[in-house]
N, C-alpha and C. Protein backbone atom coordinates (compact mmCIF):
# COMPACT_ATOMS: atom_id res chain seq x y z
N MET A 1 66.39 -75.71 -44.86
CA MET A 1 65.99 -76.98 -45.44
C MET A 1 64.54 -76.87 -45.92
N PRO A 2 64.24 -77.24 -47.19
CA PRO A 2 62.88 -77.11 -47.69
C PRO A 2 61.92 -78.07 -47.00
N ASP A 3 60.66 -77.65 -46.97
CA ASP A 3 59.61 -78.51 -46.43
C ASP A 3 59.55 -79.77 -47.28
N PRO A 4 59.58 -80.96 -46.65
CA PRO A 4 59.60 -82.19 -47.44
C PRO A 4 58.21 -82.67 -47.87
N THR A 5 57.27 -81.73 -47.99
CA THR A 5 55.94 -82.10 -48.48
C THR A 5 55.76 -81.54 -49.88
N LEU A 6 55.38 -82.42 -50.78
CA LEU A 6 55.01 -82.06 -52.14
C LEU A 6 53.51 -82.27 -52.21
N TYR A 7 52.81 -81.41 -52.87
CA TYR A 7 51.37 -81.58 -53.04
C TYR A 7 51.07 -81.80 -54.52
N PHE A 8 50.12 -82.67 -54.76
CA PHE A 8 49.61 -82.92 -56.11
C PHE A 8 48.20 -82.36 -56.14
N THR A 9 47.85 -81.64 -57.21
CA THR A 9 46.48 -81.15 -57.37
C THR A 9 45.92 -81.58 -58.71
N ASN A 10 44.61 -81.77 -58.72
CA ASN A 10 43.88 -82.10 -59.94
C ASN A 10 42.60 -81.27 -59.93
N ASN A 11 42.45 -80.43 -60.95
CA ASN A 11 41.23 -79.63 -61.05
C ASN A 11 40.27 -80.21 -62.08
N GLY A 12 40.54 -81.42 -62.55
CA GLY A 12 39.68 -82.07 -63.53
C GLY A 12 40.18 -81.95 -64.96
N LEU A 13 40.92 -80.92 -65.25
CA LEU A 13 41.47 -80.71 -66.59
C LEU A 13 42.99 -80.68 -66.56
N HIS A 14 43.54 -80.12 -65.50
CA HIS A 14 44.98 -79.89 -65.43
C HIS A 14 45.51 -80.35 -64.07
N THR A 15 46.71 -80.89 -64.08
CA THR A 15 47.35 -81.31 -62.84
C THR A 15 48.53 -80.39 -62.55
N HIS A 16 48.84 -80.26 -61.27
CA HIS A 16 49.95 -79.41 -60.82
C HIS A 16 50.66 -80.09 -59.66
N VAL A 17 51.84 -79.58 -59.35
CA VAL A 17 52.49 -79.89 -58.09
C VAL A 17 52.59 -78.58 -57.33
N VAL A 18 52.61 -78.68 -56.02
CA VAL A 18 52.76 -77.52 -55.15
C VAL A 18 53.99 -77.77 -54.30
N MET A 19 54.91 -76.81 -54.32
CA MET A 19 56.21 -76.96 -53.66
C MET A 19 56.52 -75.72 -52.83
N SER A 20 57.48 -75.86 -51.96
CA SER A 20 57.95 -74.75 -51.14
C SER A 20 58.46 -73.62 -52.03
N CYS A 21 57.91 -72.44 -51.84
CA CYS A 21 58.34 -71.27 -52.60
C CYS A 21 59.82 -70.97 -52.34
N LYS A 22 60.20 -71.00 -51.09
CA LYS A 22 61.59 -70.69 -50.71
C LYS A 22 62.56 -71.67 -51.37
N ALA A 23 62.21 -72.95 -51.37
CA ALA A 23 63.11 -73.96 -51.93
C ALA A 23 63.25 -73.80 -53.45
N LEU A 24 62.15 -73.50 -54.15
CA LEU A 24 62.24 -73.35 -55.60
C LEU A 24 62.96 -72.04 -55.96
N ARG A 25 62.73 -70.99 -55.19
CA ARG A 25 63.45 -69.73 -55.44
C ARG A 25 64.96 -69.92 -55.27
N ALA A 26 65.36 -70.80 -54.36
CA ALA A 26 66.79 -71.06 -54.17
C ALA A 26 67.41 -71.69 -55.41
N LEU A 27 66.64 -72.48 -56.13
CA LEU A 27 67.14 -73.14 -57.35
C LEU A 27 66.94 -72.29 -58.60
N VAL A 28 65.95 -71.41 -58.57
CA VAL A 28 65.67 -70.51 -59.69
C VAL A 28 65.63 -69.09 -59.11
N PRO A 29 66.80 -68.51 -58.84
CA PRO A 29 66.86 -67.22 -58.14
C PRO A 29 66.07 -66.10 -58.82
N ASP A 30 65.97 -66.13 -60.14
CA ASP A 30 65.26 -65.07 -60.86
C ASP A 30 63.76 -65.06 -60.52
N LEU A 31 63.24 -66.16 -59.99
CA LEU A 31 61.84 -66.19 -59.57
C LEU A 31 61.55 -65.15 -58.50
N SER A 32 62.56 -64.79 -57.72
CA SER A 32 62.38 -63.84 -56.62
C SER A 32 61.84 -62.49 -57.07
N GLN A 33 62.12 -62.11 -58.31
CA GLN A 33 61.58 -60.83 -58.79
C GLN A 33 60.11 -60.92 -59.15
N TYR A 34 59.58 -62.14 -59.23
CA TYR A 34 58.18 -62.34 -59.62
C TYR A 34 57.28 -62.82 -58.49
N VAL A 35 57.84 -63.52 -57.53
CA VAL A 35 57.04 -64.06 -56.42
C VAL A 35 57.59 -63.52 -55.11
N GLY A 36 56.70 -63.41 -54.15
CA GLY A 36 57.11 -62.88 -52.85
C GLY A 36 57.53 -63.99 -51.91
N ASN A 37 57.20 -63.81 -50.67
CA ASN A 37 57.57 -64.77 -49.64
C ASN A 37 56.41 -65.71 -49.32
N ASP A 38 55.64 -66.03 -50.33
CA ASP A 38 54.53 -66.96 -50.15
C ASP A 38 55.08 -68.30 -49.68
N ALA A 39 54.26 -69.04 -48.99
CA ALA A 39 54.70 -70.34 -48.48
C ALA A 39 54.90 -71.34 -49.61
N TRP A 40 54.02 -71.31 -50.60
CA TRP A 40 53.99 -72.35 -51.63
C TRP A 40 53.88 -71.76 -53.02
N LEU A 41 54.30 -72.57 -53.99
CA LEU A 41 54.08 -72.25 -55.40
C LEU A 41 53.40 -73.44 -56.06
N GLN A 42 52.32 -73.17 -56.75
CA GLN A 42 51.68 -74.18 -57.58
C GLN A 42 52.37 -74.12 -58.94
N ILE A 43 52.87 -75.26 -59.40
CA ILE A 43 53.64 -75.31 -60.65
C ILE A 43 52.94 -76.25 -61.62
N GLY A 44 52.79 -75.78 -62.85
CA GLY A 44 52.25 -76.60 -63.92
C GLY A 44 53.07 -76.38 -65.18
N TRP A 45 52.81 -77.19 -66.17
CA TRP A 45 53.56 -77.13 -67.42
C TRP A 45 52.57 -77.37 -68.53
N GLY A 46 52.69 -76.65 -69.64
CA GLY A 46 51.73 -76.87 -70.72
C GLY A 46 52.12 -76.16 -71.99
N ASP A 47 51.20 -76.21 -72.95
CA ASP A 47 51.39 -75.61 -74.27
C ASP A 47 51.42 -74.09 -74.16
N ALA A 48 52.37 -73.47 -74.84
CA ALA A 48 52.56 -72.02 -74.76
C ALA A 48 51.37 -71.25 -75.33
N GLY A 49 50.68 -71.79 -76.32
CA GLY A 49 49.54 -71.09 -76.90
C GLY A 49 48.26 -71.25 -76.12
N TYR A 50 48.09 -72.38 -75.46
CA TYR A 50 46.83 -72.69 -74.79
C TYR A 50 46.86 -72.45 -73.28
N TYR A 51 47.87 -72.96 -72.62
CA TYR A 51 47.94 -72.93 -71.16
C TYR A 51 48.04 -71.49 -70.66
N GLY A 52 47.07 -71.08 -69.91
CA GLY A 52 47.06 -69.72 -69.38
C GLY A 52 46.56 -68.66 -70.33
N ALA A 53 46.14 -69.06 -71.52
CA ALA A 53 45.62 -68.08 -72.48
C ALA A 53 44.33 -67.46 -71.93
N ALA A 54 44.11 -66.19 -72.27
CA ALA A 54 42.91 -65.49 -71.81
C ALA A 54 41.65 -66.21 -72.27
N LYS A 55 41.69 -66.75 -73.47
CA LYS A 55 40.55 -67.50 -74.01
C LYS A 55 41.08 -68.83 -74.55
N GLN A 56 40.76 -69.90 -73.86
CA GLN A 56 41.23 -71.23 -74.26
C GLN A 56 40.19 -71.85 -75.20
N THR A 57 40.36 -71.57 -76.48
CA THR A 57 39.40 -72.05 -77.47
C THR A 57 39.66 -73.50 -77.84
N LEU A 58 38.66 -74.12 -78.44
CA LEU A 58 38.80 -75.48 -78.92
C LEU A 58 39.92 -75.57 -79.95
N LEU A 59 40.01 -74.59 -80.83
CA LEU A 59 41.07 -74.58 -81.84
C LEU A 59 42.45 -74.56 -81.18
N LEU A 60 42.65 -73.72 -80.17
CA LEU A 60 43.94 -73.69 -79.47
C LEU A 60 44.24 -75.04 -78.83
N GLY A 61 43.22 -75.67 -78.26
CA GLY A 61 43.39 -76.98 -77.64
C GLY A 61 43.79 -78.05 -78.64
N VAL A 62 43.15 -78.05 -79.80
CA VAL A 62 43.46 -79.03 -80.85
C VAL A 62 44.88 -78.79 -81.38
N LEU A 63 45.22 -77.52 -81.61
CA LEU A 63 46.57 -77.21 -82.08
C LEU A 63 47.61 -77.65 -81.06
N ALA A 64 47.32 -77.44 -79.79
CA ALA A 64 48.26 -77.85 -78.74
C ALA A 64 48.50 -79.35 -78.77
N LEU A 65 47.45 -80.12 -78.94
CA LEU A 65 47.59 -81.57 -78.90
C LEU A 65 48.22 -82.14 -80.16
N PHE A 66 47.86 -81.59 -81.31
CA PHE A 66 48.26 -82.24 -82.56
C PHE A 66 49.37 -81.54 -83.32
N THR A 67 49.86 -80.42 -82.82
CA THR A 67 50.99 -79.73 -83.43
C THR A 67 52.03 -79.51 -82.33
N PRO A 68 53.15 -80.22 -82.36
CA PRO A 68 54.15 -80.01 -81.30
C PRO A 68 54.51 -78.53 -81.19
N THR A 69 54.43 -78.01 -79.98
CA THR A 69 54.63 -76.58 -79.76
C THR A 69 55.54 -76.33 -78.56
N ALA A 70 55.95 -75.09 -78.44
CA ALA A 70 56.76 -74.68 -77.28
C ALA A 70 55.93 -74.83 -76.01
N ALA A 71 56.61 -74.97 -74.90
CA ALA A 71 55.95 -75.15 -73.61
C ALA A 71 56.22 -73.97 -72.70
N ILE A 72 55.37 -73.83 -71.69
CA ILE A 72 55.56 -72.82 -70.65
C ILE A 72 55.34 -73.47 -69.28
N VAL A 73 55.92 -72.83 -68.27
CA VAL A 73 55.73 -73.24 -66.88
C VAL A 73 54.80 -72.22 -66.24
N GLY A 74 53.73 -72.71 -65.61
CA GLY A 74 52.80 -71.84 -64.90
C GLY A 74 53.14 -71.84 -63.41
N VAL A 75 53.12 -70.66 -62.80
CA VAL A 75 53.46 -70.51 -61.38
C VAL A 75 52.39 -69.66 -60.71
N ARG A 76 51.83 -70.17 -59.63
CA ARG A 76 50.85 -69.41 -58.85
C ARG A 76 51.23 -69.47 -57.38
N CYS A 77 51.25 -68.32 -56.74
CA CYS A 77 51.57 -68.24 -55.31
C CYS A 77 50.40 -68.76 -54.48
N ILE A 78 50.74 -69.53 -53.46
CA ILE A 78 49.75 -70.11 -52.55
C ILE A 78 50.19 -69.81 -51.12
N ASN A 79 49.31 -69.23 -50.34
CA ASN A 79 49.62 -68.99 -48.93
C ASN A 79 48.87 -69.95 -48.03
N ASP A 80 47.64 -70.28 -48.39
CA ASP A 80 46.81 -71.11 -47.53
C ASP A 80 46.34 -72.32 -48.33
N LEU A 81 46.92 -73.47 -48.03
CA LEU A 81 46.58 -74.68 -48.78
C LEU A 81 45.12 -75.08 -48.62
N SER A 82 44.49 -74.68 -47.55
CA SER A 82 43.09 -75.06 -47.34
C SER A 82 42.11 -74.09 -47.99
N ALA A 83 42.58 -72.89 -48.38
CA ALA A 83 41.65 -71.89 -48.90
C ALA A 83 41.98 -71.37 -50.30
N ASP A 84 43.19 -71.56 -50.78
CA ASP A 84 43.60 -70.94 -52.04
C ASP A 84 43.33 -71.78 -53.29
N PHE A 85 42.50 -72.79 -53.17
CA PHE A 85 42.13 -73.62 -54.32
C PHE A 85 40.61 -73.64 -54.44
N PRO A 86 40.09 -73.72 -55.67
CA PRO A 86 38.64 -73.90 -55.81
C PRO A 86 38.20 -75.20 -55.13
N LYS A 87 36.95 -75.24 -54.69
CA LYS A 87 36.44 -76.42 -53.98
C LYS A 87 36.54 -77.69 -54.82
N SER A 88 36.50 -77.55 -56.14
CA SER A 88 36.55 -78.72 -57.02
C SER A 88 37.96 -79.30 -57.17
N THR A 89 38.98 -78.58 -56.75
CA THR A 89 40.36 -79.06 -56.87
C THR A 89 40.68 -80.02 -55.75
N ARG A 90 41.18 -81.19 -56.12
CA ARG A 90 41.60 -82.17 -55.12
C ARG A 90 43.09 -81.98 -54.83
N LEU A 91 43.43 -82.02 -53.55
CA LEU A 91 44.79 -81.75 -53.08
C LEU A 91 45.29 -82.96 -52.31
N TYR A 92 46.46 -83.46 -52.71
CA TYR A 92 47.06 -84.64 -52.09
C TYR A 92 48.40 -84.28 -51.48
N PRO A 93 48.55 -84.33 -50.16
CA PRO A 93 49.87 -84.14 -49.56
C PRO A 93 50.72 -85.40 -49.72
N ILE A 94 51.94 -85.23 -50.16
CA ILE A 94 52.86 -86.35 -50.36
C ILE A 94 54.12 -86.04 -49.55
N ILE A 95 54.26 -86.75 -48.43
CA ILE A 95 55.41 -86.54 -47.55
C ILE A 95 56.60 -87.29 -48.13
N LEU A 96 57.70 -86.57 -48.31
CA LEU A 96 58.90 -87.14 -48.93
C LEU A 96 60.08 -87.04 -47.97
N ASP A 97 61.09 -87.86 -48.22
CA ASP A 97 62.34 -87.61 -47.51
C ASP A 97 63.05 -86.48 -48.26
N GLN A 98 64.06 -85.91 -47.64
CA GLN A 98 64.70 -84.73 -48.22
C GLN A 98 65.34 -85.01 -49.58
N THR A 99 65.89 -86.19 -49.76
CA THR A 99 66.50 -86.53 -51.05
C THR A 99 65.47 -86.54 -52.17
N ALA A 100 64.30 -87.13 -51.92
CA ALA A 100 63.24 -87.17 -52.93
C ALA A 100 62.71 -85.77 -53.21
N MET A 101 62.55 -84.96 -52.16
CA MET A 101 62.07 -83.59 -52.35
C MET A 101 63.06 -82.79 -53.18
N ASN A 102 64.34 -82.94 -52.89
CA ASN A 102 65.37 -82.23 -53.65
C ASN A 102 65.37 -82.65 -55.11
N ALA A 103 65.15 -83.94 -55.38
CA ALA A 103 65.11 -84.43 -56.75
C ALA A 103 63.92 -83.83 -57.50
N ALA A 104 62.76 -83.77 -56.86
CA ALA A 104 61.57 -83.19 -57.49
C ALA A 104 61.77 -81.70 -57.75
N LEU A 105 62.32 -80.99 -56.78
CA LEU A 105 62.61 -79.56 -56.95
C LEU A 105 63.59 -79.33 -58.10
N ALA A 106 64.62 -80.16 -58.19
CA ALA A 106 65.62 -80.01 -59.25
C ALA A 106 64.99 -80.23 -60.63
N LEU A 107 64.13 -81.24 -60.75
CA LEU A 107 63.48 -81.49 -62.04
C LEU A 107 62.62 -80.30 -62.45
N VAL A 108 61.83 -79.79 -61.53
CA VAL A 108 60.99 -78.63 -61.85
C VAL A 108 61.86 -77.43 -62.22
N SER A 109 62.91 -77.19 -61.47
CA SER A 109 63.76 -76.02 -61.73
C SER A 109 64.41 -76.09 -63.12
N ARG A 110 64.70 -77.28 -63.58
CA ARG A 110 65.33 -77.44 -64.91
C ARG A 110 64.38 -77.13 -66.06
N HIS A 111 63.09 -77.04 -65.80
CA HIS A 111 62.13 -76.74 -66.87
C HIS A 111 61.97 -75.25 -67.13
N PHE A 112 62.50 -74.40 -66.28
CA PHE A 112 62.46 -72.96 -66.54
C PHE A 112 63.55 -72.66 -67.56
N LYS A 113 63.15 -72.13 -68.71
CA LYS A 113 64.10 -71.81 -69.77
C LYS A 113 64.65 -70.40 -69.54
N LEU A 114 65.95 -70.29 -69.48
CA LEU A 114 66.59 -68.99 -69.28
C LEU A 114 66.97 -68.39 -70.63
N ASN A 115 66.84 -67.07 -70.74
CA ASN A 115 67.21 -66.41 -71.99
C ASN A 115 68.72 -66.23 -72.06
N GLN A 116 69.21 -65.53 -73.08
CA GLN A 116 70.66 -65.37 -73.27
C GLN A 116 71.32 -64.61 -72.12
N SER A 117 70.53 -63.84 -71.38
CA SER A 117 71.06 -63.10 -70.23
C SER A 117 70.97 -63.91 -68.94
N GLY A 118 70.51 -65.17 -69.06
CA GLY A 118 70.39 -66.02 -67.89
C GLY A 118 69.18 -65.69 -67.02
N ARG A 119 68.18 -65.06 -67.62
CA ARG A 119 66.98 -64.63 -66.90
C ARG A 119 65.76 -65.40 -67.40
N LEU A 120 64.75 -65.41 -66.57
CA LEU A 120 63.47 -66.00 -66.96
C LEU A 120 62.79 -65.10 -67.98
N THR A 121 61.98 -65.70 -68.84
CA THR A 121 61.18 -64.93 -69.79
C THR A 121 59.72 -65.09 -69.41
N LEU A 122 59.11 -64.00 -68.95
CA LEU A 122 57.69 -64.00 -68.61
C LEU A 122 56.90 -63.95 -69.91
N VAL A 123 56.04 -64.95 -70.13
CA VAL A 123 55.26 -65.04 -71.36
C VAL A 123 53.91 -64.35 -71.20
N ARG A 124 53.25 -64.57 -70.05
CA ARG A 124 51.96 -63.95 -69.79
C ARG A 124 51.65 -63.99 -68.30
N GLU A 125 50.68 -63.18 -67.91
CA GLU A 125 50.19 -63.17 -66.55
C GLU A 125 48.67 -63.13 -66.60
N LYS A 126 48.04 -64.00 -65.83
CA LYS A 126 46.58 -64.01 -65.76
C LYS A 126 46.12 -63.00 -64.71
N PRO A 127 44.91 -62.51 -64.81
CA PRO A 127 44.39 -61.60 -63.79
C PRO A 127 44.41 -62.21 -62.38
N THR A 128 44.43 -63.53 -62.29
CA THR A 128 44.48 -64.21 -60.99
C THR A 128 45.87 -64.13 -60.35
N GLY A 129 46.84 -63.62 -61.11
CA GLY A 129 48.21 -63.54 -60.61
C GLY A 129 49.09 -64.69 -61.04
N GLU A 130 48.50 -65.69 -61.71
CA GLU A 130 49.31 -66.81 -62.18
C GLU A 130 50.24 -66.31 -63.29
N LEU A 131 51.51 -66.71 -63.19
CA LEU A 131 52.54 -66.28 -64.12
C LEU A 131 52.96 -67.45 -65.00
N PHE A 132 53.31 -67.15 -66.25
CA PHE A 132 53.72 -68.19 -67.20
C PHE A 132 55.06 -67.80 -67.81
N PHE A 133 56.00 -68.72 -67.67
CA PHE A 133 57.38 -68.49 -68.12
C PHE A 133 57.75 -69.46 -69.24
N ALA A 134 58.66 -69.03 -70.11
CA ALA A 134 59.19 -69.91 -71.15
C ALA A 134 59.78 -71.16 -70.48
N SER A 135 59.59 -72.30 -71.14
CA SER A 135 60.05 -73.57 -70.59
C SER A 135 60.83 -74.35 -71.63
N ILE A 136 61.62 -75.27 -71.14
CA ILE A 136 62.23 -76.23 -72.05
C ILE A 136 61.17 -77.28 -72.37
N GLY A 137 61.38 -77.99 -73.44
CA GLY A 137 60.48 -79.07 -73.80
C GLY A 137 59.46 -78.66 -74.85
N THR A 138 58.87 -79.67 -75.44
CA THR A 138 57.86 -79.49 -76.47
C THR A 138 56.58 -80.17 -76.02
N TYR A 139 55.48 -79.45 -76.12
CA TYR A 139 54.17 -79.97 -75.75
C TYR A 139 53.55 -80.66 -76.97
N SER A 140 52.94 -81.81 -76.75
CA SER A 140 52.21 -82.51 -77.82
C SER A 140 51.27 -83.52 -77.17
N ILE A 141 50.51 -84.20 -77.97
CA ILE A 141 49.60 -85.21 -77.45
C ILE A 141 50.36 -86.33 -76.74
N LEU A 142 51.64 -86.51 -77.09
CA LEU A 142 52.47 -87.54 -76.45
C LEU A 142 53.29 -87.00 -75.28
N ASN A 143 53.18 -85.70 -75.01
CA ASN A 143 53.93 -85.08 -73.92
C ASN A 143 53.10 -83.92 -73.37
N THR A 144 52.14 -84.25 -72.52
CA THR A 144 51.19 -83.27 -72.01
C THR A 144 51.55 -82.81 -70.60
N CYS A 145 50.73 -81.90 -70.10
CA CYS A 145 50.90 -81.42 -68.72
C CYS A 145 50.81 -82.57 -67.73
N ASN A 146 49.97 -83.54 -68.01
CA ASN A 146 49.79 -84.66 -67.10
C ASN A 146 51.00 -85.59 -67.12
N ASN A 147 51.61 -85.78 -68.28
CA ASN A 147 52.87 -86.54 -68.34
C ASN A 147 53.94 -85.82 -67.52
N TRP A 148 54.01 -84.49 -67.66
CA TRP A 148 55.00 -83.70 -66.95
C TRP A 148 54.83 -83.87 -65.44
N THR A 149 53.60 -83.75 -64.97
CA THR A 149 53.33 -83.93 -63.54
C THR A 149 53.75 -85.33 -63.10
N ALA A 150 53.46 -86.33 -63.92
CA ALA A 150 53.84 -87.71 -63.60
C ALA A 150 55.36 -87.85 -63.50
N TYR A 151 56.10 -87.17 -64.38
CA TYR A 151 57.56 -87.21 -64.29
C TYR A 151 58.05 -86.62 -62.97
N VAL A 152 57.45 -85.52 -62.54
CA VAL A 152 57.84 -84.91 -61.25
C VAL A 152 57.55 -85.89 -60.12
N LEU A 153 56.38 -86.51 -60.16
CA LEU A 153 56.02 -87.48 -59.11
C LEU A 153 56.94 -88.69 -59.14
N GLN A 154 57.31 -89.15 -60.32
CA GLN A 154 58.25 -90.26 -60.43
C GLN A 154 59.60 -89.87 -59.84
N GLU A 155 60.05 -88.67 -60.14
CA GLU A 155 61.33 -88.18 -59.60
C GLU A 155 61.28 -88.11 -58.08
N ALA A 156 60.09 -87.86 -57.54
CA ALA A 156 59.90 -87.80 -56.09
C ALA A 156 59.81 -89.18 -55.45
N GLY A 157 59.85 -90.23 -56.30
CA GLY A 157 59.87 -91.58 -55.76
C GLY A 157 58.57 -92.35 -55.88
N LEU A 158 57.54 -91.77 -56.45
CA LEU A 158 56.29 -92.51 -56.61
C LEU A 158 56.42 -93.51 -57.76
N LYS A 159 55.73 -94.61 -57.63
CA LYS A 159 55.69 -95.61 -58.70
C LYS A 159 54.62 -95.16 -59.69
N ILE A 160 55.08 -94.68 -60.84
CA ILE A 160 54.19 -94.16 -61.86
C ILE A 160 54.92 -94.23 -63.20
N SER A 161 54.18 -94.51 -64.25
CA SER A 161 54.75 -94.58 -65.59
C SER A 161 54.32 -93.33 -66.37
N PRO A 162 55.16 -92.30 -66.40
CA PRO A 162 54.76 -91.03 -67.01
C PRO A 162 54.31 -91.13 -68.46
N LYS A 163 54.96 -91.96 -69.26
CA LYS A 163 54.59 -92.05 -70.68
C LYS A 163 53.20 -92.65 -70.86
N MET A 164 52.76 -93.44 -69.89
CA MET A 164 51.45 -94.09 -69.98
C MET A 164 50.39 -93.35 -69.15
N THR A 165 50.74 -92.20 -68.65
CA THR A 165 49.83 -91.43 -67.79
C THR A 165 49.41 -90.19 -68.56
N ILE A 166 48.27 -90.27 -69.22
CA ILE A 166 47.86 -89.22 -70.15
C ILE A 166 46.89 -88.23 -69.52
N GLY A 167 45.83 -88.71 -68.92
CA GLY A 167 44.79 -87.83 -68.39
C GLY A 167 45.00 -87.48 -66.93
N PRO A 168 44.34 -86.41 -66.47
CA PRO A 168 44.47 -86.01 -65.08
C PRO A 168 43.98 -87.09 -64.11
N GLY A 169 42.93 -87.81 -64.51
CA GLY A 169 42.42 -88.89 -63.67
C GLY A 169 43.42 -90.02 -63.52
N GLN A 170 44.18 -90.29 -64.57
CA GLN A 170 45.21 -91.33 -64.49
C GLN A 170 46.31 -90.95 -63.51
N VAL A 171 46.73 -89.67 -63.54
CA VAL A 171 47.75 -89.22 -62.60
C VAL A 171 47.21 -89.37 -61.19
N GLU A 172 45.99 -88.94 -60.97
CA GLU A 172 45.39 -89.01 -59.63
C GLU A 172 45.26 -90.45 -59.15
N ARG A 173 44.82 -91.35 -60.02
CA ARG A 173 44.72 -92.77 -59.63
C ARG A 173 46.09 -93.31 -59.21
N ASN A 174 47.12 -92.93 -59.93
CA ASN A 174 48.48 -93.38 -59.57
C ASN A 174 48.92 -92.82 -58.22
N VAL A 175 48.55 -91.60 -57.93
CA VAL A 175 48.89 -91.01 -56.63
C VAL A 175 48.19 -91.82 -55.54
N ARG A 176 46.91 -92.15 -55.76
CA ARG A 176 46.18 -92.96 -54.77
C ARG A 176 46.78 -94.35 -54.64
N LYS A 177 47.18 -94.96 -55.77
CA LYS A 177 47.81 -96.29 -55.73
C LYS A 177 49.11 -96.28 -54.92
N ASN A 178 49.73 -95.12 -54.83
CA ASN A 178 50.96 -94.98 -54.03
C ASN A 178 50.65 -94.73 -52.56
N GLY A 179 49.36 -94.76 -52.21
CA GLY A 179 48.96 -94.67 -50.81
C GLY A 179 48.59 -93.29 -50.31
N TYR A 180 48.40 -92.32 -51.20
CA TYR A 180 48.09 -90.97 -50.77
C TYR A 180 46.61 -90.67 -50.96
N SER A 181 46.07 -89.87 -50.03
CA SER A 181 44.65 -89.50 -50.05
C SER A 181 44.49 -88.00 -50.15
N SER A 182 43.40 -87.60 -50.77
CA SER A 182 43.10 -86.19 -50.92
C SER A 182 42.62 -85.58 -49.61
N THR A 183 43.02 -84.32 -49.38
CA THR A 183 42.53 -83.60 -48.22
C THR A 183 41.23 -82.91 -48.54
N LYS A 184 40.86 -82.86 -49.85
CA LYS A 184 39.62 -82.22 -50.31
C LYS A 184 38.84 -83.25 -51.11
N LYS A 185 37.58 -83.40 -50.82
CA LYS A 185 36.73 -84.37 -51.54
C LYS A 185 35.88 -83.65 -52.55
């Protein structure tokens, strides 16, 4: 049974969810060839040209926002929730019942785009070990990484309006409005 804790993170520019590695690997078996037995996976979603790029230029950022583009899912292994994030990243534990956790896991798993062979397509890897896979969906100014995170949180049962949640601060305020506090200040 997966751990019923979902974590929300905000690094000031990008939001993520952190989920049980074992539980997500069970839904996306091909992930096993890319991630080990880490306790957690940090998951994000974003523009294929900008998110995770070696050099995130202003031009790439503008193109991402104003030209609908393909999306990717970012995955980073996490072993120690208290040490594996920069000090500036705020981490919110969100305790869920098993049904809500399963719903959030299912939504995230459906965003991994499988190729014709039914396998994941690795798009890029950062020197930090973060992996980026082809995803379903189109990234645009009306459908950003923060909207995606809000959809996952909504699926987990939080009261949040994903279409009206644009910036990382808005997602974080909604998490706090749902009664959750950061473990990192």
